[in-house]
Amino acid sequence: MKFSMRAVAAGLAAVLFLACLPAQAADSASRQTRPLLVFGAASLTNALDEIGAEFTKTTGQPVKFSYAASSVLARQIEAGAKADLFFSADVEWMDYLQARNLIDASTRKDVLGNRLVLIAPVSSRIELKIGPSFPLAAALGKGRLSTGDPDSVPVGRYAKSALTTLGVWSSVADRLINADNVRSAMAFVSRGEAPLGIVYETDALIDNKVRIVDHFPASSHLPIVYPMAVTSVAQSSASSFAAYLRGPEAARIFRKNGFATRP
């Protein structure tokens, strides 16, 4: 029996096509289940871990989180990190990425609010009422005040703004522990290495080794707002998680962790 070369080639092509189908299907399934990578402000750690687990349980879509100061995360995205979603602790670092076309501006939403608090180790006897010209420097004694770096870390920016408004910034500006994120700032107080710190209320509520001395007046600093946006390089499933973060189950978890949810 004779076969033309054209027939043989067609047969080989058909065999190769059929052989590739399982690999193509597996590759497609892999793309569909590739974990979402979410860059989140350090203060969101507990809430986002819980929300991510619930989202995965509901949808089957895995989610991975990378937590740090919003400044660090924004600069990583600028440097090419393939994050699918950015959840910042202030609007400035979201503005920074938007100005560079590194987020999908149509997905940007202000999701949460928080409060600024002064904390001390739980065993401390320091008592202070926050107000204009309150004696913060005297309360520190020979110690230092722990908060985020005011030049870049959102909680440090809020802290500097509040202390400036209240007229006490100059008395403590050279006595800071400039932590690289809010959880690090709280850790110095939790370990007793700093007598006082300025952090978010939500962070103070999860550490039983610190106590809230007082809340800063909301009028002493800009509102603490957490914006969220899908990045410009995000995979398509990122929009589903963004919607989930604005939904009722996520709102319940955020509120449980002390955050104020925004409409």
Protein backbone atom coordinates (compact mmCIF):
# COMPACT_ATOMS: atom_id res chain seq x y z
CA MET A 1 0.00 0.00 0.00
CA LYS A 2 1.36 3.40 -0.98
CA PHE A 3 0.98 6.60 1.05
CA SER A 4 1.58 10.07 -0.25
CA MET A 5 3.93 12.31 1.69
CA ARG A 6 1.07 14.77 2.15
CA ALA A 7 -1.08 12.12 3.82
CA VAL A 8 1.75 11.05 6.12
CA ALA A 9 2.38 14.66 7.14
CA ALA A 10 -1.29 15.23 7.83
CA GLY A 11 -1.42 12.12 9.97
CA LEU A 12 1.59 13.16 11.99
CA ALA A 13 0.11 16.61 12.50
CA ALA A 14 -3.12 15.10 13.79
CA VAL A 15 -1.24 12.86 16.22
CA LEU A 16 0.82 15.77 17.50
CA PHE A 17 -2.28 17.91 17.95
CA LEU A 18 -4.03 15.21 19.96
CA ALA A 19 -0.91 14.62 22.06
CA CYS A 20 -0.73 18.32 22.94
CA LEU A 21 -4.32 18.61 24.10
CA PRO A 22 -3.75 17.31 27.68
CA ALA A 23 -0.73 19.59 28.10
CA GLN A 24 -2.68 22.57 26.82
CA ALA A 25 -5.59 21.76 29.12
CA ALA A 26 -3.24 21.39 32.09
CA ASP A 27 -1.56 24.69 31.25
CA SER A 28 -4.96 26.41 31.06
CA ALA A 29 -6.00 24.94 34.41
CA SER A 30 -2.70 26.07 35.92
CA ARG A 31 -3.28 29.63 34.74
CA GLN A 32 -6.78 29.60 36.18
CA THR A 33 -5.61 28.46 39.63
CA ARG A 34 -2.39 30.47 39.86
CA PRO A 35 -2.51 32.18 43.26
CA LEU A 36 -3.42 35.82 43.35
CA LEU A 37 -0.64 37.90 44.83
CA VAL A 38 -1.93 40.67 47.06
CA PHE A 39 0.36 43.37 48.44
CA GLY A 40 -1.14 44.63 51.69
CA ALA A 41 -0.19 47.17 54.35
CA ALA A 42 1.20 45.46 57.46
CA SER A 43 -1.74 46.60 59.58
CA LEU A 44 -4.08 44.51 57.41
CA THR A 45 -2.29 41.21 58.11
CA ASN A 46 -4.78 39.49 60.40
CA ALA A 47 -7.90 40.62 58.57
CA LEU A 48 -6.63 39.83 55.08
CA ASP A 49 -5.32 36.40 56.09
CA GLU A 50 -8.81 35.49 57.31
CA ILE A 51 -10.56 37.02 54.31
CA GLY A 52 -8.22 35.27 51.88
CA ALA A 53 -8.92 31.90 53.49
CA GLU A 54 -12.68 32.46 53.21
CA PHE A 55 -12.38 33.56 49.57
CA THR A 56 -10.37 30.46 48.68
CA LYS A 57 -12.84 28.22 50.48
CA THR A 58 -15.70 29.79 48.53
CA THR A 59 -14.12 30.04 45.07
CA GLY A 60 -11.21 27.60 44.98
CA GLN A 61 -8.92 30.47 43.97
CA PRO A 62 -5.76 30.55 46.12
CA VAL A 63 -4.50 33.90 47.40
CA LYS A 64 -1.03 34.79 48.64
CA PHE A 65 -0.21 37.93 50.61
CA SER A 66 2.91 40.02 50.96
CA TYR A 67 2.82 42.45 53.89
CA ALA A 68 5.03 45.46 54.53
CA ALA A 69 4.80 49.22 54.79
CA SER A 70 2.74 50.69 51.95
CA SER A 71 5.82 52.62 50.82
CA VAL A 72 7.88 49.44 50.44
CA LEU A 73 5.12 47.63 48.56
CA ALA A 74 4.49 50.55 46.20
CA ARG A 75 8.16 50.76 45.32
CA GLN A 76 8.30 47.00 44.72
CA ILE A 77 5.39 47.32 42.27
CA GLU A 78 7.19 50.21 40.61
CA ALA A 79 10.27 48.00 40.30
CA GLY A 80 8.27 45.33 38.48
CA ALA A 81 6.81 43.06 41.17
CA LYS A 82 3.88 41.13 39.67
CA ALA A 83 1.31 41.91 42.33
CA ASP A 84 -2.34 41.52 41.33
CA LEU A 85 -3.78 43.90 43.91
CA PHE A 86 -2.44 46.67 46.14
CA PHE A 87 -4.11 47.53 49.47
CA SER A 88 -2.50 50.64 50.96
CA ALA A 89 -2.70 52.25 54.40
CA ASP A 90 -2.82 55.73 52.91
CA VAL A 91 -3.88 57.47 49.72
CA GLU A 92 -0.47 58.96 48.95
CA TRP A 93 1.19 55.69 47.97
CA MET A 94 -1.84 54.72 45.88
CA ASP A 95 -1.59 58.14 44.21
CA TYR A 96 2.10 57.39 43.59
CA LEU A 97 1.29 54.23 41.63
CA GLN A 98 -1.66 55.76 39.83
CA ALA A 99 0.50 58.63 38.60
CA ARG A 100 2.80 56.02 37.04
CA ASN A 101 -0.08 54.03 35.47
CA LEU A 102 0.75 51.00 37.63
CA ILE A 103 -2.82 50.44 38.85
CA ASP A 104 -6.15 50.21 37.06
CA ALA A 105 -7.61 53.50 38.27
CA SER A 106 -11.16 52.35 37.52
CA THR A 107 -10.84 49.70 40.25
CA ARG A 108 -9.54 52.05 42.93
CA LYS A 109 -11.77 52.20 46.02
CA ASP A 110 -11.43 53.62 49.53
CA VAL A 111 -12.36 50.60 51.63
CA LEU A 112 -11.43 51.14 55.29
CA GLY A 113 -10.73 53.67 58.02
CA ASN A 114 -8.72 53.44 61.22
CA ARG A 115 -7.77 55.46 64.32
CA LEU A 116 -4.40 56.64 65.61
CA VAL A 117 -3.52 55.73 69.19
CA LEU A 118 -0.76 56.18 71.75
CA ILE A 119 0.29 52.87 73.30
CA ALA A 120 2.45 51.70 76.21
CA PRO A 121 3.51 48.30 77.52
CA VAL A 122 0.63 46.69 79.38
CA SER A 123 2.59 46.87 82.64
CA SER A 124 3.35 50.59 82.23
CA ARG A 125 1.83 53.11 84.63
CA ILE A 126 2.05 56.01 82.20
CA GLU A 127 -1.16 58.01 81.97
CA LEU A 128 -1.57 60.78 79.40
CA LYS A 129 -4.49 62.71 78.01
CA ILE A 130 -3.73 63.71 74.43
CA GLY A 131 -4.33 67.37 73.68
CA PRO A 132 -2.51 70.56 72.70
CA SER A 133 0.99 70.71 74.22
CA PHE A 134 0.48 67.47 76.19
CA PRO A 135 3.66 66.36 78.04
CA LEU A 136 4.74 63.56 75.71
CA ALA A 137 8.48 64.20 76.01
CA ALA A 138 8.33 64.15 79.79
CA ALA A 139 6.38 60.88 79.75
CA LEU A 140 9.09 59.26 77.64
CA GLY A 141 11.67 59.89 80.37
CA LYS A 142 14.95 58.66 78.92
CA GLY A 143 13.17 56.42 76.43
CA ARG A 144 12.17 56.89 72.81
CA LEU A 145 8.89 57.05 70.93
CA SER A 146 8.25 54.19 68.51
CA THR A 147 6.32 54.77 65.29
CA GLY A 148 6.76 54.39 61.54
CA ASP A 149 9.37 56.38 59.67
CA PRO A 150 7.66 59.77 59.12
CA ASP A 151 9.40 60.17 55.76
CA SER A 152 7.72 57.15 54.17
CA VAL A 153 5.64 54.88 56.41
CA PRO A 154 1.97 55.94 56.60
CA VAL A 155 1.57 55.53 60.36
CA GLY A 156 4.66 57.69 60.87
CA ARG A 157 3.25 60.35 58.58
CA TYR A 158 -0.01 60.41 60.51
CA ALA A 159 1.91 60.52 63.79
CA LYS A 160 4.06 63.46 62.69
CA SER A 161 0.99 65.31 61.44
CA ALA A 162 -0.89 64.76 64.71
CA LEU A 163 2.04 65.75 66.92
CA THR A 164 2.71 68.83 64.82
CA THR A 165 -0.92 69.91 65.05
CA LEU A 166 -0.81 69.43 68.82
CA GLY A 167 2.41 71.42 69.15
CA VAL A 168 4.65 68.67 70.50
CA TRP A 169 6.49 67.37 67.42
CA SER A 170 9.64 69.43 68.00
CA SER A 171 10.00 68.04 71.52
CA VAL A 172 10.18 64.41 70.34
CA ALA A 173 11.37 64.57 66.70
CA ASP A 174 14.91 63.54 67.65
CA ARG A 175 13.72 60.80 70.01
CA LEU A 176 11.98 58.50 67.55
CA ILE A 177 12.42 54.85 66.75
CA ASN A 178 11.70 55.00 63.02
CA ALA A 179 10.25 51.55 62.35
CA ASP A 180 9.84 50.21 58.83
CA ASN A 181 6.15 49.38 59.34
CA VAL A 182 3.45 49.67 61.99
CA ARG A 183 3.82 46.12 63.29
CA SER A 184 7.52 46.69 63.87
CA ALA A 185 6.73 49.94 65.67
CA MET A 186 4.32 48.12 67.96
CA ALA A 187 6.84 45.34 68.61
CA PHE A 188 9.28 47.78 70.22
CA VAL A 189 6.61 48.72 72.75
CA SER A 190 5.38 45.15 73.17
CA ARG A 191 8.91 44.02 74.07
CA GLY A 192 9.36 46.92 76.49
CA GLU A 193 12.10 48.51 74.38
CA ALA A 194 10.14 51.75 74.02
CA PRO A 195 7.92 53.27 76.74
CA LEU A 196 5.43 54.69 74.22
CA GLY A 197 4.46 54.23 70.60
CA ILE A 198 2.03 55.57 68.03
CA VAL A 199 0.22 52.95 65.96
CA TYR A 200 -3.21 52.20 64.56
CA GLU A 201 -5.97 51.16 66.92
CA THR A 202 -6.45 47.86 65.04
CA ASP A 203 -2.85 46.85 65.72
CA ALA A 204 -3.04 47.75 69.41
CA LEU A 205 -6.15 45.60 69.80
CA ILE A 206 -4.41 42.38 68.74
CA ASP A 207 -1.40 42.55 71.07
CA ASN A 208 -2.10 41.76 74.71
CA LYS A 209 1.34 43.08 75.70
CA VAL A 210 0.38 46.67 74.93
CA ARG A 211 -2.43 48.93 76.07
CA ILE A 212 -3.99 52.03 74.56
CA VAL A 213 -3.09 55.13 76.57
CA ASP A 214 -5.32 57.44 74.55
CA HIS A 215 -6.71 58.12 71.07
CA PHE A 216 -5.49 61.03 68.96
CA PRO A 217 -8.22 63.49 67.99
CA ALA A 218 -9.37 62.83 64.43
CA SER A 219 -8.93 66.54 63.74
CA SER A 220 -5.19 66.36 64.47
CA HIS A 221 -4.31 64.50 61.27
CA LEU A 222 -5.68 63.61 57.85
CA PRO A 223 -8.29 60.83 57.84
CA ILE A 224 -6.73 57.37 57.90
CA VAL A 225 -7.99 55.84 54.67
CA TYR A 226 -7.12 52.46 53.13
CA PRO A 227 -7.53 52.45 49.34
CA MET A 228 -7.39 49.30 47.24
CA ALA A 229 -6.83 48.80 43.51
CA VAL A 230 -6.11 46.08 40.98
CA THR A 231 -2.69 46.56 39.41
CA SER A 232 -2.06 47.15 35.72
CA VAL A 233 -0.48 43.67 35.34
CA ALA A 234 -3.11 41.76 37.30
CA GLN A 235 -4.59 38.47 36.16
CA SER A 236 -8.31 38.59 35.40
CA SER A 237 -9.39 36.84 38.61
CA ALA A 238 -8.05 39.77 40.67
CA SER A 239 -11.28 41.66 39.99
CA SER A 240 -13.25 38.90 41.73
CA PHE A 241 -11.16 39.20 44.87
CA ALA A 242 -11.42 43.00 44.75
CA ALA A 243 -15.20 42.65 44.67
CA TYR A 244 -15.08 40.16 47.55
CA LEU A 245 -13.05 42.61 49.62
CA ARG A 246 -15.90 45.10 49.26
CA GLY A 247 -18.57 42.53 50.07
CA PRO A 248 -20.47 41.73 53.28
CA GLU A 249 -18.30 38.82 54.49
CA ALA A 250 -15.08 40.82 54.18
CA ALA A 251 -16.77 43.81 55.86
CA ARG A 252 -17.72 41.58 58.80
CA ILE A 253 -14.13 40.40 59.20
CA PHE A 254 -12.70 43.91 58.86
CA ARG A 255 -15.07 45.22 61.53
CA LYS A 256 -14.23 42.28 63.80
CA ASN A 257 -10.60 43.37 63.55
CA GLY A 258 -11.44 46.93 64.52
CA PHE A 259 -11.53 48.65 61.12
CA ALA A 260 -14.21 51.09 60.08
CA THR A 261 -15.70 50.08 56.72
CA ARG A 262 -16.59 52.71 54.13
CA PRO A 263 -19.63 52.63 51.86
